[in-house]
């Protein structure tokens, strides 16, 4: 067997074995959300990330085209979505402080 064929075979073996190792690694490294709550060690914890993801999901159920990333990175987009969905109880926590009183109207301060 010529030397170049041996090198090629070794390179292929190394590539295949590295792919097997990558495939065997845990695939669930992203955050898991259940509504407004992030699941950490099997326990729910309220996090802004999951609240924004839930807000986007509820907005999509109403036909709006938004993403969780847009909710996190654009306060004006979040304000617009909260104004539209303010009466939905599922987004009360995420929209707190964005001009909603929880019933869909503006917050009146005296």
C-alpha atoms as a PDB file:
ATOM      1  CA  UNK A   1       0.000   0.000   0.000  1.00  0.00           C
ATOM      2  CA  UNK A   2       1.511   3.367  -0.990  1.00  0.00           C
ATOM      3  CA  UNK A   3       2.160   5.946   1.713  1.00  0.00           C
ATOM      4  CA  UNK A   4      -0.419   8.437   0.349  1.00  0.00           C
ATOM      5  CA  UNK A   5      -3.189   5.809   0.595  1.00  0.00           C
ATOM      6  CA  UNK A   6      -2.250   5.112   4.210  1.00  0.00           C
ATOM      7  CA  UNK A   7      -2.403   8.840   5.039  1.00  0.00           C
ATOM      8  CA  UNK A   8      -5.773   9.112   3.300  1.00  0.00           C
ATOM      9  CA  UNK A   9      -7.114   6.116   5.228  1.00  0.00           C
ATOM     10  CA  UNK A  10      -5.836   7.548   8.531  1.00  0.00           C
ATOM     11  CA  UNK A  11      -7.439  10.933   7.769  1.00  0.00           C
ATOM     12  CA  UNK A  12     -10.758   9.274   6.985  1.00  0.00           C
ATOM     13  CA  UNK A  13     -10.597   7.199  10.154  1.00  0.00           C
ATOM     14  CA  UNK A  14      -9.872  10.320  12.226  1.00  0.00           C
ATOM     15  CA  UNK A  15     -12.753  12.221  10.582  1.00  0.00           C
ATOM     16  CA  UNK A  16     -15.261   9.425  11.131  1.00  0.00           C
ATOM     17  CA  UNK A  17     -14.207   8.896  14.739  1.00  0.00           C
ATOM     18  CA  UNK A  18     -14.480  12.630  15.504  1.00  0.00           C
ATOM     19  CA  UNK A  19     -17.997  12.686  14.009  1.00  0.00           C
ATOM     20  CA  UNK A  20     -18.998   9.781  16.230  1.00  0.00           C
ATOM     21  CA  UNK A  21     -17.739  11.650  19.310  1.00  0.00           C
ATOM     22  CA  UNK A  22     -19.638  14.815  18.321  1.00  0.00           C
ATOM     23  CA  UNK A  23     -22.826  12.828  17.668  1.00  0.00           C
ATOM     24  CA  UNK A  24     -22.575  11.167  21.089  1.00  0.00           C
ATOM     25  CA  UNK A  25     -22.311  14.536  22.913  1.00  0.00           C
ATOM     26  CA  UNK A  26     -25.456  15.841  24.668  1.00  0.00           C
ATOM     27  CA  UNK A  27     -27.575  17.712  22.136  1.00  0.00           C
ATOM     28  CA  UNK A  28     -29.811  19.606  24.589  1.00  0.00           C
ATOM     29  CA  UNK A  29     -27.476  22.447  25.540  1.00  0.00           C
ATOM     30  CA  UNK A  30     -30.045  25.201  24.939  1.00  0.00           C
ATOM     31  CA  UNK A  31     -32.354  26.706  27.517  1.00  0.00           C
ATOM     32  CA  UNK A  32     -35.659  24.912  28.074  1.00  0.00           C
ATOM     33  CA  UNK A  33     -38.697  27.040  28.755  1.00  0.00           C
ATOM     34  CA  UNK A  34     -42.141  26.116  30.014  1.00  0.00           C
ATOM     35  CA  UNK A  35     -44.210  29.241  29.451  1.00  0.00           C
ATOM     36  CA  UNK A  36     -42.603  32.090  31.401  1.00  0.00           C
ATOM     37  CA  UNK A  37     -40.333  29.741  33.323  1.00  0.00           C
ATOM     38  CA  UNK A  38     -36.927  28.295  32.529  1.00  0.00           C
ATOM     39  CA  UNK A  39     -36.429  24.692  33.664  1.00  0.00           C
ATOM     40  CA  UNK A  40     -33.176  24.472  35.637  1.00  0.00           C
ATOM     41  CA  UNK A  41     -32.332  21.109  37.200  1.00  0.00           C
ATOM     42  CA  UNK A  42     -35.960  20.122  36.811  1.00  0.00           C
ATOM     43  CA  UNK A  43     -37.261  23.198  38.677  1.00  0.00           C
ATOM     44  CA  UNK A  44     -39.075  26.176  37.097  1.00  0.00           C
ATOM     45  CA  UNK A  45     -37.468  29.609  37.513  1.00  0.00           C
ATOM     46  CA  UNK A  46     -38.895  32.869  36.127  1.00  0.00           C
ATOM     47  CA  UNK A  47     -36.422  34.384  33.653  1.00  0.00           C
ATOM     48  CA  UNK A  48     -36.701  37.354  31.267  1.00  0.00           C
ATOM     49  CA  UNK A  49     -35.488  35.125  28.411  1.00  0.00           C
ATOM     50  CA  UNK A  50     -38.394  32.704  28.769  1.00  0.00           C
ATOM     51  CA  UNK A  51     -40.878  35.519  29.355  1.00  0.00           C
ATOM     52  CA  UNK A  52     -39.828  37.117  26.056  1.00  0.00           C
ATOM     53  CA  UNK A  53     -39.989  33.776  24.238  1.00  0.00           C
ATOM     54  CA  UNK A  54     -43.484  33.197  25.658  1.00  0.00           C
ATOM     55  CA  UNK A  55     -44.543  36.737  24.687  1.00  0.00           C
ATOM     56  CA  UNK A  56     -43.428  36.094  21.099  1.00  0.00           C
ATOM     57  CA  UNK A  57     -45.210  32.723  21.031  1.00  0.00           C
ATOM     58  CA  UNK A  58     -48.475  34.263  22.272  1.00  0.00           C
ATOM     59  CA  UNK A  59     -48.112  37.113  19.753  1.00  0.00           C
ATOM     60  CA  UNK A  60     -47.639  34.573  16.946  1.00  0.00           C
ATOM     61  CA  UNK A  61     -50.833  32.811  18.057  1.00  0.00           C
ATOM     62  CA  UNK A  62     -52.613  36.135  17.380  1.00  0.00           C
ATOM     63  CA  UNK A  63     -51.021  36.357  13.927  1.00  0.00           C
ATOM     64  CA  UNK A  64     -48.172  38.767  14.651  1.00  0.00           C
ATOM     65  CA  UNK A  65     -44.837  37.943  13.040  1.00  0.00           C
ATOM     66  CA  UNK A  66     -42.329  38.379  15.875  1.00  0.00           C
ATOM     67  CA  UNK A  67     -39.520  36.417  17.504  1.00  0.00           C
ATOM     68  CA  UNK A  68     -38.199  36.088  21.032  1.00  0.00           C
ATOM     69  CA  UNK A  69     -35.007  37.760  19.870  1.00  0.00           C
ATOM     70  CA  UNK A  70     -36.990  40.792  18.687  1.00  0.00           C
ATOM     71  CA  UNK A  71     -38.658  41.024  22.108  1.00  0.00           C
ATOM     72  CA  UNK A  72     -35.275  40.980  23.862  1.00  0.00           C
ATOM     73  CA  UNK A  73     -33.454  43.358  21.526  1.00  0.00           C
ATOM     74  CA  UNK A  74     -36.099  45.948  20.623  1.00  0.00           C
ATOM     75  CA  UNK A  75     -37.940  47.682  23.473  1.00  0.00           C
ATOM     76  CA  UNK A  76     -40.180  49.493  20.967  1.00  0.00           C
ATOM     77  CA  UNK A  77     -41.217  46.173  19.370  1.00  0.00           C
ATOM     78  CA  UNK A  78     -41.946  44.746  22.814  1.00  0.00           C
ATOM     79  CA  UNK A  79     -43.989  47.862  23.629  1.00  0.00           C
ATOM     80  CA  UNK A  80     -45.985  47.438  20.410  1.00  0.00           C
ATOM     81  CA  UNK A  81     -46.682  43.760  21.094  1.00  0.00           C
ATOM     82  CA  UNK A  82     -47.606  44.434  24.726  1.00  0.00           C
ATOM     83  CA  UNK A  83     -50.015  47.171  23.642  1.00  0.00           C
ATOM     84  CA  UNK A  84     -51.653  44.695  21.271  1.00  0.00           C
ATOM     85  CA  UNK A  85     -51.756  41.779  23.752  1.00  0.00           C
ATOM     86  CA  UNK A  86     -52.104  43.607  27.045  1.00  0.00           C
ATOM     87  CA  UNK A  87     -55.372  41.928  27.993  1.00  0.00           C
ATOM     88  CA  UNK A  88     -53.979  38.385  27.605  1.00  0.00           C
ATOM     89  CA  UNK A  89     -53.143  37.016  31.049  1.00  0.00           C
ATOM     90  CA  UNK A  90     -50.355  34.817  29.620  1.00  0.00           C
ATOM     91  CA  UNK A  91     -48.174  37.881  28.959  1.00  0.00           C
ATOM     92  CA  UNK A  92     -48.868  39.901  32.103  1.00  0.00           C
ATOM     93  CA  UNK A  93     -45.404  39.304  33.598  1.00  0.00           C
ATOM     94  CA  UNK A  94     -43.537  39.942  30.336  1.00  0.00           C
ATOM     95  CA  UNK A  95     -45.452  43.175  29.672  1.00  0.00           C
ATOM     96  CA  UNK A  96     -45.161  44.546  33.206  1.00  0.00           C
ATOM     97  CA  UNK A  97     -43.658  48.017  32.905  1.00  0.00           C
ATOM     98  CA  UNK A  98     -44.578  48.437  29.243  1.00  0.00           C
ATOM     99  CA  UNK A  99     -47.636  50.623  29.786  1.00  0.00           C
ATOM    100  CA  UNK A 100     -50.193  47.933  30.526  1.00  0.00           C
ATOM    101  CA  UNK A 101     -52.284  47.571  33.640  1.00  0.00           C
ATOM    102  CA  UNK A 102     -53.050  43.908  32.976  1.00  0.00           C
ATOM    103  CA  UNK A 103     -56.487  44.659  31.503  1.00  0.00           C
ATOM    104  CA  UNK A 104     -55.335  46.100  28.192  1.00  0.00           C
ATOM    105  CA  UNK A 105     -55.453  49.782  29.126  1.00  0.00           C
ATOM    106  CA  UNK A 106     -52.709  52.252  29.907  1.00  0.00           C
ATOM    107  CA  UNK A 107     -51.332  52.565  33.424  1.00  0.00           C
ATOM    108  CA  UNK A 108     -52.822  55.615  35.117  1.00  0.00           C
ATOM    109  CA  UNK A 109     -50.565  57.172  37.722  1.00  0.00           C
ATOM    110  CA  UNK A 110     -51.887  59.764  40.176  1.00  0.00           C
END
